[in-house]
Amino acid sequence: MQNVYTVAQVNSYIKNMFTQDFMLQSLFVKGEVSNCKYHSSGHIYFTLKDEKGTISCVMFSGNRNGLTFRMAEGQQVVVRGTVDVYERDGKYQLYAKEIRQDGAGALYERFERLKAELEERGMFAGEYKQPIPRYISRLGVVTAQTGAAVRDIIQIASRRNPYVQIILYPAIVQGDMAVQSIVNGIHAMEHFQVDTIIVGRGGGSIEDLWAFNEEAVAQAIFDCPIPIISAVGHETDTTIADFVADLRAPTPSAAAELAVYDMEQLTERMSEYAYTMQHLCRNHISCYRNRLEHCRMQMKYLSPVNQIREKRTYMMKLEEMVQGGMERNLSKKRHQLALYIEQMKGLSPLEKLNQGYAYAADGQGRTVNRIGQVKPADELHVYVKDGIIHTKVLGSQKMPELK
């Protein structure tokens, strides 16, 4: 029976053959960079190709110190490294130790020439960019009928707004027929009068994405009256369509988010607006109620009836004040009069007469209070308490002075 080997044994044997080949341990390989990926670990994975073949390559992060440029699609490079077998996958690849540039690749040169020409014609100018509508009802999508790109766009757009109508044009996005298919898709969306168009596809090499670097596609995007979002490849991929489009999205998923407004956010915002409007309305109503109450009080105060009532009340207060003042003055005057009466009583001759005193007057009614005023035989009238006594002077006698 023939010997039977395991897969691991075969891969190990082949790896040993590569290791023993001196030429494969250090060689220079020239080619065009394609499908270049910078991994988060620091490793660089890429493919070298020419007209007749391709070879997978990797440069580990420990060997990147000598790399003086950032690798990009289409660059022509010379790689020094070792060809070896990765036993687990049974796959051989070029392990790069050093990479240097060897001129731009043909596709890269074409890309740069067309980019410079279209930029000079003003097709990248910001003044020609159309704003993307914030709220749309119809979304046009020009991409492949199958693949992750169309699934992501439909899923995200439907989740953000289930009421948006999505119209898909199943375009060919790779190969000789891709350019005309994409152009036809853009014109079809113009016919359907959608609100926004997403033109794009998933990631790939520069060859896979090349249809979006053709002038015909760029001109169709520029001439389209409907805003277009370009979503070609991954975030690091850049095409001519990205520069001409009204808006570039890093991925098809991001394009769907940019094109379709999130209804949940809209609902929350509308709820906030409703609450704010209700709050403002309540404040305005309260303010106007206060103003109305103030005006009502003013009208009540300024009304003729109220004015008459106020004046009447004021007159009553004045009347009370006058009456009170008069009563106080009368009381004061009565008190003063009583004092004056008492004083007059003390000075009244009648009061003196009542107390047992009398006074004499001559015939002319003049009071006699000195002896020199009379002579014998003069008639006198003596006033006493209960009447007048008529008498004649018999004589007079001067009283001694009191000491």
Foldseek 3Di string as FASTA:
>chain_A
DDDDDDLLVVLVVVQVVQVPPPDQAKDKDKFFWKPWDQDPQRKIWTWGDDPPDIFTEIEDNVLCPQPPDDDDGQFIKIFIFHWGADSVVSGIGGHGNDIDTDGGGPLVVLLVVLLVVCVVVVLLPLVLFDDFDAAFQEEEEEEAPDDDLVVLLVVLLCQQPVRHHYHYQHADQADDRRLVRQLVSLVVCVVVVGQEYEYEYEAGICRSRVSQQDPSNLVSQSPRPHQYEYAYYAQPDDHSNCSNGSHYDRHSNRVSPVNHHRVVVVVVVVVVVVVVVVVVVVVVVVVVVVVVVVVVVVCCCPPPVNVVVVVVVVVVVVVVVVVVVVVVVVVVVVVVVVVVVVVVCVVDVLNVLVVVDKWKAFPVRHTDDDPVVDAFQGWIWIDHNPGIDIDTHHHDDDDDDDD
